[in-house]
Amino acid sequence: MSSHVITPGPYRATKLWNEVTRLFRAGMPLRKHRQNFRHYSSCFTASAAVDWLHQLLCSNSNFGPDVTRQQTVQLLKKFLKNHVIEDVKGRWGTEDLEDSNTLYRFPSTSPLKPIPCPAPASSSIKKRSSFRDKEGFFKFRSFKKHEKESLVKQETQRRELTVDDEQDIWRDITLTHLQRILGVASFYEVLDPRCVNPQNIIHNMTKVNKHGVVTLDDKNSKYCSVLRAATCFLFPGPKYDSAQPSYPGFERDVFKTVSDYFYSLPQPLLTYELYELFINVLGVLQPQCERVAIEALQLCTLLLPPASRRKLQLLMRMMSRISQNVDMPRLHPAIGTRTLMVHTFSGCVLGSAEECDLDELLATRLVSFLMDHQQSILSVPEYLLSAISDHIQYLRTVQVHLNTVAYGHFEEQKLASSQKAMEELLEILLTDQNISEKDRRKKLKQVTKHFHNSD
């Protein structure tokens, strides 16, 4: 039974659902079972389905080894609701399924979800003009002799590098790099660029502390207080105050306080707007492409609002430290600390505005990778910062050069025009037979005097 990686592109979550459905129907062993003195052929128990599907998900690169048995049960519930499976009496449409010996079977109809055909981006979305699209910035158009000073000023002003232009450069270069990494033909396949605020990118790359964490103007937010308390209690340093509260289960209470805070936020840290983008990044999150996935997530997290990125940075650091702290008492009697971290916070990191059947599994996969590589993913990519800074500096240099050349051309034209006018006037004075010699000498003297004064 073969499986394949669902690469980045539109409707990736739906394609993943269809892929899991196809593998489950093709590989799940079917047997004859007896229940209530009746025999049912080509069916399976719920527990057998949980065993088989859990193994499939853990070994599938689209989901990974952090999938739990309980998550597998939740997926089977969704299968029953969406008529991927039905009980042996043909009932479906609810999520009434438990890890038990209840018998289920596959329906004869196809359970695959249809993949919508995306409309061409050009027909529904007007592309925003970019600074790099403005003709004439990189090429100097030579001036003709008859051009006036107003045209010179207009050309100079048209080449001005504005704040909006610079913001467009930050956005365009970042998205160009990200599109290349994801390997999509158009960025509209995974994200509407209009959702990208270039000010977020600039803030996230330039306003960071010595640890690389985004700094905010509001340094007294509720989250900072919650996290400082959690860090102090869960990771006491050399100045640890033994008088601080400590009792059996104290660490669990602190941990619950932090999780309650995150689940009280109005939307996940990766935001609803960027949900489809992060789902598509999972398409490059394969064992042989780890470095590529890290770079893609580096760029994606730069698009977040600074407050969300800061929360994500601090949360991932805390999760990583708790997972690696062998001296900390167990936070759950039956679940390991790492698994607890991933499954506790995955829902408040990634989620869609409308319920998605694979939300929980996909969030687990992403958060697990984020936690393991948080130091690399949530750092500022220096290569990108240098590329953007160098490009803006180059454009500023070109602008100064163009302004200088344009002014020089104007001065040359003004001088040439003056000289030509002088020549025409002298020719008239010397050849006009209607002017007396006395008036001719007088006018020549005036012209000569005016020429020397203007020079």
Protein backbone atom coordinates (compact mmCIF):
# COMPACT_ATOMS: atom_id res chain seq x y z
CA MET A 1 0.00 0.00 0.00
CA SER A 2 1.64 3.20 -1.16
CA SER A 3 1.20 6.71 0.19
CA HIS A 4 2.48 9.96 -1.15
CA VAL A 5 3.27 13.39 0.21
CA ILE A 6 0.59 16.02 -0.36
CA THR A 7 2.64 18.93 -1.65
CA PRO A 8 1.80 22.63 -1.06
CA GLY A 9 -1.13 23.99 -3.00
CA PRO A 10 -4.78 24.98 -2.67
CA TYR A 11 -7.14 22.79 -0.60
CA ARG A 12 -4.30 20.80 0.91
CA ALA A 13 -6.35 19.85 4.00
CA THR A 14 -9.07 18.34 1.79
CA LYS A 15 -6.47 16.43 -0.22
CA LEU A 16 -4.98 15.07 3.01
CA TRP A 17 -8.42 13.93 4.16
CA ASN A 18 -8.92 12.09 0.87
CA GLU A 19 -5.45 10.54 1.12
CA VAL A 20 -6.07 9.16 4.63
CA THR A 21 -9.50 7.92 3.56
CA ARG A 22 -8.03 6.15 0.55
CA LEU A 23 -5.29 4.46 2.59
CA PHE A 24 -7.74 3.43 5.32
CA ARG A 25 -10.21 1.86 2.88
CA ALA A 26 -7.43 0.15 0.93
CA GLY A 27 -5.50 -1.24 3.88
CA MET A 28 -7.82 -1.86 6.82
CA PRO A 29 -8.18 -5.67 7.29
CA LEU A 30 -11.77 -6.92 6.99
CA ARG A 31 -13.07 -10.08 8.64
CA LYS A 32 -16.24 -11.96 9.42
CA HIS A 33 -17.48 -11.15 12.93
CA ARG A 34 -20.26 -12.43 15.11
CA GLN A 35 -22.38 -10.10 17.20
CA ASN A 36 -25.68 -10.78 18.98
CA PHE A 37 -25.92 -14.25 17.41
CA ARG A 38 -25.51 -12.85 13.91
CA HIS A 39 -22.59 -13.00 11.51
CA TYR A 40 -21.38 -9.93 9.64
CA SER A 41 -18.89 -10.24 6.80
CA SER A 42 -16.29 -7.69 5.62
CA CYS A 43 -16.30 -5.61 8.80
CA PHE A 44 -14.02 -4.63 11.66
CA THR A 45 -14.19 -3.62 15.32
CA ALA A 46 -13.64 -0.04 16.40
CA SER A 47 -10.61 -1.06 18.47
CA ALA A 48 -9.03 -2.86 15.52
CA ALA A 49 -9.60 0.24 13.40
CA VAL A 50 -7.96 2.43 16.06
CA ASP A 51 -4.93 0.10 16.16
CA TRP A 52 -4.47 0.03 12.40
CA LEU A 53 -5.19 3.72 11.73
CA HIS A 54 -2.99 4.89 14.61
CA GLN A 55 -0.05 2.96 13.17
CA LEU A 56 -0.75 4.38 9.72
CA LEU A 57 -0.84 8.00 10.96
CA CYS A 58 2.32 7.67 13.06
CA SER A 59 4.27 6.24 10.13
CA ASN A 60 2.89 8.71 7.58
CA SER A 61 5.16 11.71 6.93
CA ASN A 62 2.13 13.99 6.58
CA PHE A 63 1.31 13.50 10.29
CA GLY A 64 4.25 12.02 12.18
CA PRO A 65 4.90 9.96 15.34
CA ASP A 66 3.28 12.37 17.82
CA VAL A 67 -0.26 11.31 16.91
CA THR A 68 -1.93 9.75 19.95
CA ARG A 69 -4.44 6.93 20.17
CA GLN A 70 -7.08 9.35 21.41
CA GLN A 71 -6.56 11.57 18.35
CA THR A 72 -7.04 8.48 16.20
CA VAL A 73 -10.36 7.81 17.93
CA GLN A 74 -11.39 11.41 17.22
CA LEU A 75 -10.57 10.93 13.53
CA LEU A 76 -12.66 7.75 13.39
CA LYS A 77 -15.54 9.70 14.92
CA LYS A 78 -15.26 12.15 12.03
CA PHE A 79 -15.11 9.23 9.60
CA LEU A 80 -18.41 7.99 11.00
CA LYS A 81 -19.98 11.44 10.81
CA ASN A 82 -18.87 11.94 7.17
CA HIS A 83 -19.88 8.40 6.08
CA VAL A 84 -16.36 7.14 5.48
CA ILE A 85 -17.52 4.26 7.68
CA GLU A 86 -20.89 3.09 9.02
CA ASP A 87 -21.98 0.58 11.61
CA VAL A 88 -23.04 -2.87 10.44
CA LYS A 89 -26.68 -1.75 10.46
CA GLY A 90 -25.91 1.09 8.05
CA ARG A 91 -26.11 3.93 10.56
CA TRP A 92 -23.83 6.97 10.30
CA GLY A 93 -23.91 10.79 10.63
CA THR A 94 -22.98 11.07 14.32
CA GLU A 95 -19.70 10.88 16.24
CA ASP A 96 -20.97 8.11 18.48
CA LEU A 97 -17.88 5.89 18.32
CA GLU A 98 -15.69 4.55 21.12
CA ASP A 99 -12.55 2.43 21.34
CA SER A 100 -14.56 -0.80 21.70
CA ASN A 101 -15.67 -4.00 19.96
CA THR A 102 -18.56 -2.35 18.12
CA LEU A 103 -18.62 -3.45 14.48
CA TYR A 104 -18.24 -1.09 11.52
CA ARG A 105 -17.88 -1.45 7.76
CA PHE A 106 -17.16 0.61 4.67
CA PRO A 107 -20.10 1.94 2.63
CA SER A 108 -20.34 1.15 -1.06
CA THR A 109 -20.42 4.82 -2.07
CA SER A 110 -17.27 6.89 -2.44
CA PRO A 111 -16.50 8.93 0.68
CA LEU A 112 -13.94 11.21 -0.96
CA LYS A 113 -14.52 14.95 -0.74
CA PRO A 114 -14.63 16.91 -4.03
CA ILE A 115 -11.72 19.27 -4.69
CA PRO A 116 -13.03 22.68 -5.80
CA CYS A 117 -11.50 24.23 -8.89
CA PRO A 118 -9.90 27.52 -7.82
CA ALA A 119 -10.78 30.53 -9.95
CA PRO A 120 -7.86 32.26 -11.69
CA ALA A 121 -6.42 34.92 -9.42
CA SER A 122 -6.46 37.52 -12.16
CA SER A 123 -10.22 37.25 -12.63
CA SER A 124 -11.16 37.94 -9.03
CA ILE A 125 -8.23 39.71 -7.42
CA LYS A 126 -6.54 42.75 -8.78
CA LYS A 127 -2.82 42.58 -8.23
CA ARG A 128 -1.50 45.40 -6.12
CA SER A 129 1.10 47.46 -7.96
CA SER A 130 4.59 47.00 -6.63
CA PHE A 131 7.47 49.42 -6.54
CA ARG A 132 9.53 47.07 -8.62
CA ASP A 133 6.83 47.21 -11.33
CA LYS A 134 7.20 50.95 -11.87
CA GLU A 135 8.90 51.45 -15.20
CA GLY A 136 11.80 53.78 -15.43
CA PHE A 137 13.22 53.30 -11.98
CA PHE A 138 16.08 51.15 -13.11
CA LYS A 139 16.46 52.75 -16.55
CA PHE A 140 17.31 56.36 -17.25
CA ARG A 141 15.36 57.85 -20.11
CA SER A 142 17.48 60.39 -21.98
CA PHE A 143 15.99 63.86 -22.37
CA LYS A 144 15.17 65.34 -25.73
CA LYS A 145 16.17 68.90 -26.47
CA HIS A 146 12.61 70.21 -26.49
CA GLU A 147 11.75 68.87 -22.98
CA LYS A 148 10.98 71.53 -20.42
CA GLU A 149 11.99 71.92 -16.80
CA SER A 150 8.60 70.61 -15.67
CA LEU A 151 9.30 67.25 -17.31
CA VAL A 152 12.62 67.01 -15.49
CA LYS A 153 10.93 67.68 -12.16
CA GLN A 154 8.19 65.16 -12.94
CA GLU A 155 10.72 62.46 -13.79
CA THR A 156 12.69 63.17 -10.64
CA GLN A 157 9.58 63.00 -8.47
CA ARG A 158 8.43 59.77 -10.13
CA ARG A 159 11.63 58.10 -9.00
CA GLU A 160 11.27 59.07 -5.34
CA LEU A 161 11.57 56.07 -2.96
CA THR A 162 8.67 56.51 -0.54
CA VAL A 163 7.87 54.76 2.74
CA ASP A 164 5.17 52.75 0.96
CA ASP A 165 7.70 51.72 -1.68
CA GLU A 166 10.09 50.45 0.99
CA GLN A 167 7.31 48.52 2.72
CA ASP A 168 6.40 46.91 -0.61
CA ILE A 169 10.02 45.84 -1.02
CA TRP A 170 10.03 44.17 2.42
CA ARG A 171 6.83 42.31 1.57
CA ASP A 172 7.70 41.39 -2.03
CA ILE A 173 11.18 40.00 -1.32
CA THR A 174 9.92 37.99 1.66
CA LEU A 175 7.02 36.49 -0.29
CA THR A 176 9.25 35.80 -3.31
CA HIS A 177 11.63 33.77 -1.14
CA LEU A 178 8.70 31.93 0.47
CA GLN A 179 7.07 31.14 -2.87
CA ARG A 180 10.35 29.68 -4.11
CA ILE A 181 10.67 27.45 -1.03
CA LEU A 182 7.09 26.18 -1.23
CA GLY A 183 7.43 25.58 -4.96
CA VAL A 184 4.01 26.99 -5.87
CA ALA A 185 3.38 28.62 -9.24
CA SER A 186 1.41 31.46 -7.69
CA PHE A 187 1.28 32.73 -4.14
CA TYR A 188 -2.49 33.06 -4.48
CA GLU A 189 -2.63 29.26 -4.23
CA VAL A 190 -1.74 29.40 -0.53
CA LEU A 191 -2.32 33.00 0.60
CA ASP A 192 -3.90 36.24 -0.52
CA PRO A 193 -0.95 38.68 -0.45
CA ARG A 194 -3.36 41.40 0.61
CA CYS A 195 -3.47 39.68 4.02
CA VAL A 196 0.24 40.37 4.46
CA ASN A 197 1.04 43.54 6.39
CA PRO A 198 4.62 44.60 5.53
CA GLN A 199 4.83 46.56 8.79
CA ASN A 200 4.62 43.23 10.64
CA ILE A 201 7.62 41.91 8.70
CA ILE A 202 9.64 45.05 9.38
CA HIS A 203 8.82 45.04 13.09
CA ASN A 204 9.53 41.32 13.53
CA MET A 205 12.92 41.61 11.83
CA THR A 206 14.19 44.87 13.27
CA LYS A 207 12.70 45.25 16.77
CA VAL A 208 14.12 42.33 18.72
CA ASN A 209 16.08 41.98 21.94
CA LYS A 210 19.47 40.33 22.37
CA HIS A 211 17.76 36.92 22.54
CA GLY A 212 15.98 37.47 19.23
CA VAL A 213 12.54 37.89 20.83
CA VAL A 214 10.26 40.56 19.39
CA THR A 215 9.93 43.64 21.59
CA LEU A 216 6.65 45.48 22.02
CA ASP A 217 5.78 48.97 23.20
CA ASP A 218 3.48 47.49 25.85
CA LYS A 219 5.92 45.77 28.20
CA ASN A 220 3.34 45.20 30.92
CA SER A 221 0.94 42.91 29.09
CA LYS A 222 -0.90 40.20 31.00
CA TYR A 223 0.95 37.50 29.09
CA CYS A 224 4.38 38.79 30.12
CA SER A 225 3.33 38.63 33.77
CA VAL A 226 1.92 35.12 33.39
CA LEU A 227 5.00 33.82 31.62
CA ARG A 228 7.44 35.49 34.02
CA ALA A 229 5.67 33.82 36.93
CA ALA A 230 5.63 30.46 35.14
CA THR A 231 9.30 30.68 34.26
CA CYS A 232 10.23 31.68 37.79
CA PHE A 233 8.29 28.83 39.36
CA LEU A 234 9.06 26.10 36.86
CA PHE A 235 12.72 27.02 36.33
CA PRO A 236 14.05 28.53 39.59
CA GLY A 237 17.46 30.13 39.15
CA PRO A 238 20.33 30.70 41.60
CA LYS A 239 18.35 33.45 43.32
CA TYR A 240 15.35 31.21 43.86
CA ASP A 241 13.36 32.26 46.88
CA SER A 242 12.50 29.20 48.94
CA ALA A 243 9.65 31.18 50.50
CA GLN A 244 7.78 31.09 47.20
CA PRO A 245 4.68 28.86 47.19
CA SER A 246 5.49 25.18 46.84
CA TYR A 247 3.19 22.22 47.46
CA PRO A 248 2.45 18.89 45.80
CA GLY A 249 0.94 19.63 42.40
CA PHE A 250 2.11 23.27 42.41
CA GLU A 251 3.82 22.89 39.00
CA ARG A 252 0.61 21.52 37.53
CA ASP A 253 -1.31 24.56 38.74
CA VAL A 254 1.20 26.94 37.19
CA PHE A 255 1.12 24.97 33.95
CA LYS A 256 -2.70 25.09 33.90
CA THR A 257 -2.62 28.87 34.44
CA VAL A 258 -0.43 29.30 31.37
CA SER A 259 -2.58 27.00 29.21
CA ASP A 260 -5.77 28.74 30.37
CA TYR A 261 -4.33 32.07 29.29
CA PHE A 262 -3.55 30.85 25.78
CA TYR A 263 -6.95 29.28 25.29
CA SER A 264 -8.56 32.54 26.35
CA LEU A 265 -7.07 34.36 23.34
CA PRO A 266 -9.55 35.33 20.60
CA GLN A 267 -7.73 33.31 17.93
CA PRO A 268 -4.74 30.95 17.58
CA LEU A 269 -1.24 32.43 17.61
CA LEU A 270 -0.70 31.64 13.93
CA THR A 271 -3.98 33.52 13.17
CA TYR A 272 -6.94 32.39 11.10
CA GLU A 273 -5.76 34.43 8.07
CA LEU A 274 -2.51 32.48 7.80
CA TYR A 275 -3.99 29.04 8.54
CA GLU A 276 -3.90 27.83 4.93
CA LEU A 277 -0.30 29.01 4.55
CA PHE A 278 0.94 27.04 7.57
CA ILE A 279 -1.03 23.97 6.47
CA ASN A 280 0.86 24.14 3.18
CA VAL A 281 4.21 24.44 4.92
CA LEU A 282 3.51 20.96 6.31
CA GLY A 283 3.85 19.80 2.71
CA VAL A 284 7.60 20.41 2.83
CA LEU A 285 7.96 19.10 6.39
CA GLN A 286 9.51 15.78 5.41
CA PRO A 287 12.50 13.97 6.98
CA GLN A 288 14.73 14.63 3.98
CA CYS A 289 13.67 18.29 3.75
CA GLU A 290 14.05 19.43 7.36
CA ARG A 291 16.23 22.40 6.48
CA VAL A 292 13.73 23.55 3.85
CA ALA A 293 10.85 23.30 6.32
CA ILE A 294 12.76 25.35 8.90
CA GLU A 295 13.43 28.09 6.35
CA ALA A 296 9.80 28.11 5.21
CA LEU A 297 8.53 28.44 8.79
CA GLN A 298 11.10 31.16 9.44
CA LEU A 299 9.54 33.27 6.72
CA CYS A 300 5.92 32.38 7.55
CA THR A 301 6.26 33.42 11.19
CA LEU A 302 7.61 36.80 10.07
CA LEU A 303 4.15 37.55 8.66
CA LEU A 304 2.52 37.31 12.09
CA PRO A 305 1.44 40.36 14.07
CA PRO A 306 4.36 41.21 16.40
CA ALA A 307 2.32 40.47 19.53
CA SER A 308 1.45 36.98 18.21
CA ARG A 309 5.04 36.26 17.18
CA ARG A 310 6.31 37.29 20.61
CA LYS A 311 3.79 35.03 22.37
CA LEU A 312 4.76 32.18 20.05
CA GLN A 313 8.48 32.69 20.73
CA LEU A 314 8.05 32.71 24.50
CA LEU A 315 5.62 29.79 24.48
CA MET A 316 7.89 27.60 22.35
CA ARG A 317 10.88 28.40 24.57
CA MET A 318 8.89 27.47 27.67
CA MET A 319 7.59 24.24 26.11
CA SER A 320 11.09 23.25 25.02
CA ARG A 321 12.57 23.92 28.45
CA ILE A 322 9.84 22.03 30.29
CA SER A 323 10.23 19.04 27.95
CA GLN A 324 13.96 18.93 28.60
CA ASN A 325 13.77 19.44 32.38
CA VAL A 326 14.35 15.97 33.80
CA ASP A 327 14.10 17.23 37.39
CA MET A 328 10.55 18.54 37.08
CA PRO A 329 7.79 16.42 38.64
CA ARG A 330 5.46 14.79 36.12
CA LEU A 331 2.68 17.11 35.07
CA HIS A 332 0.37 14.25 34.12
CA PRO A 333 0.21 10.76 35.64
CA ALA A 334 -0.27 8.94 32.33
CA ILE A 335 1.20 11.19 29.61
CA GLY A 336 4.86 12.05 29.06
CA THR A 337 5.89 15.69 29.42
CA ARG A 338 6.75 16.23 25.76
CA THR A 339 3.48 14.69 24.55
CA LEU A 340 1.59 16.76 27.09
CA MET A 341 3.25 19.97 25.85
CA VAL A 342 2.40 19.29 22.22
CA HIS A 343 -1.20 18.24 22.77
CA THR A 344 -1.97 20.92 25.35
CA PHE A 345 -0.88 23.86 23.21
CA SER A 346 -1.41 22.67 19.63
CA GLY A 347 -5.00 23.93 19.56
CA CYS A 348 -4.05 27.46 20.63
CA VAL A 349 -1.20 27.66 18.10
CA LEU A 350 -2.91 26.48 14.89
CA GLY A 351 -6.59 26.36 14.04
CA SER A 352 -9.05 27.39 11.34
CA ALA A 353 -11.94 29.80 11.70
CA GLU A 354 -14.28 27.01 10.58
CA GLU A 355 -13.88 23.51 11.97
CA CYS A 356 -11.61 21.35 9.84
CA ASP A 357 -11.66 17.56 10.13
CA LEU A 358 -7.86 17.26 10.39
CA ASP A 359 -7.20 20.38 12.47
CA GLU A 360 -5.99 18.56 15.56
CA LEU A 361 -3.67 16.17 13.72
CA LEU A 362 -2.15 18.91 11.58
CA ALA A 363 -1.66 21.22 14.58
CA THR A 364 0.09 18.43 16.48
CA ARG A 365 2.48 17.84 13.57
CA LEU A 366 3.33 21.52 13.24
CA VAL A 367 3.68 22.33 16.95
CA SER A 368 5.91 19.31 17.50
CA PHE A 369 8.29 20.53 14.78
CA LEU A 370 8.10 24.13 16.02
CA MET A 371 9.04 23.10 19.54
CA ASP A 372 11.97 20.95 18.42
CA HIS A 373 13.40 23.68 16.15
CA GLN A 374 12.11 26.85 17.82
CA GLN A 375 15.55 28.45 18.13
CA SER A 376 16.17 28.31 14.37
CA ILE A 377 12.62 28.91 13.17
CA LEU A 378 11.91 31.92 15.38
CA SER A 379 15.19 33.70 14.76
CA VAL A 380 15.60 36.55 12.26
CA PRO A 381 16.93 35.19 8.92
CA GLU A 382 20.03 37.32 8.41
CA TYR A 383 20.30 36.48 4.72
CA LEU A 384 16.86 37.95 4.11
CA LEU A 385 17.55 41.04 6.20
CA SER A 386 20.74 41.66 4.22
CA ALA A 387 19.01 41.09 0.88
CA ILE A 388 16.26 43.60 1.68
CA SER A 389 18.63 46.20 3.15
CA ASP A 390 21.02 45.93 0.20
CA HIS A 391 18.16 46.26 -2.30
CA ILE A 392 16.74 49.36 -0.65
CA GLN A 393 20.20 50.92 -0.41
CA TYR A 394 20.79 50.18 -4.08
CA LEU A 395 17.53 51.86 -5.06
CA ARG A 396 18.39 54.90 -2.98
CA THR A 397 21.78 55.11 -4.71
CA VAL A 398 20.13 54.85 -8.11
CA GLN A 399 17.68 57.55 -7.12
CA VAL A 400 20.46 59.99 -6.15
CA HIS A 401 22.30 59.23 -9.38
CA LEU A 402 19.19 59.75 -11.49
CA ASN A 403 18.39 63.02 -9.77
CA THR A 404 21.94 64.27 -10.40
CA VAL A 405 21.92 63.19 -14.05
CA ALA A 406 18.49 64.67 -14.61
CA TYR A 407 19.52 68.04 -13.16
CA GLY A 408 22.72 68.02 -15.24
CA HIS A 409 20.76 67.35 -18.42
CA PHE A 410 18.38 70.16 -17.63
CA GLU A 411 21.24 72.62 -17.11
CA GLU A 412 22.82 71.50 -20.36
CA GLN A 413 19.52 71.98 -22.20
CA LYS A 414 19.04 75.41 -20.65
CA LEU A 415 22.53 76.50 -21.74
CA ALA A 416 22.07 75.04 -25.23
CA SER A 417 18.74 76.79 -25.60
CA SER A 418 20.26 80.10 -24.49
CA GLN A 419 23.10 79.83 -26.94
CA LYS A 420 20.78 78.96 -29.79
CA ALA A 421 18.53 81.92 -29.01
CA MET A 422 21.59 84.22 -28.93
CA GLU A 423 22.76 82.95 -32.29
CA GLU A 424 19.35 83.55 -33.85
CA LEU A 425 19.20 87.08 -32.41
CA LEU A 426 22.69 87.96 -33.65
CA GLU A 427 21.85 86.65 -37.09
CA ILE A 428 18.79 88.89 -37.23
CA LEU A 429 20.75 91.98 -36.11
CA LEU A 430 23.49 91.40 -38.67
CA THR A 431 21.26 90.61 -41.65
CA ASP A 432 18.21 92.82 -41.15
CA GLN A 433 18.47 95.64 -43.74
CA ASN A 434 15.76 97.71 -42.09
CA ILE A 435 17.95 98.48 -39.02
CA SER A 436 20.26 101.50 -39.26
CA GLU A 437 23.96 101.06 -38.49
CA LYS A 438 23.64 103.18 -35.36
CA ASP A 439 20.76 101.07 -33.99
CA ARG A 440 22.54 97.87 -35.04
CA ARG A 441 25.69 98.79 -33.04
CA LYS A 442 23.55 99.85 -30.05
CA LYS A 443 21.59 96.55 -29.99
CA LEU A 444 24.73 94.45 -30.44
CA LYS A 445 26.29 96.23 -27.48
CA GLN A 446 23.17 95.50 -25.34
CA VAL A 447 23.10 91.83 -26.37
CA THR A 448 26.80 91.39 -25.59
CA LYS A 449 26.40 93.01 -22.18
CA HIS A 450 23.35 90.80 -21.35
CA PHE A 451 25.18 87.63 -22.44
CA HIS A 452 28.19 88.35 -20.21
CA ASN A 453 25.96 89.16 -17.22
CA SER A 454 23.95 85.91 -17.56
CA ASP A 455 27.13 83.87 -17.95
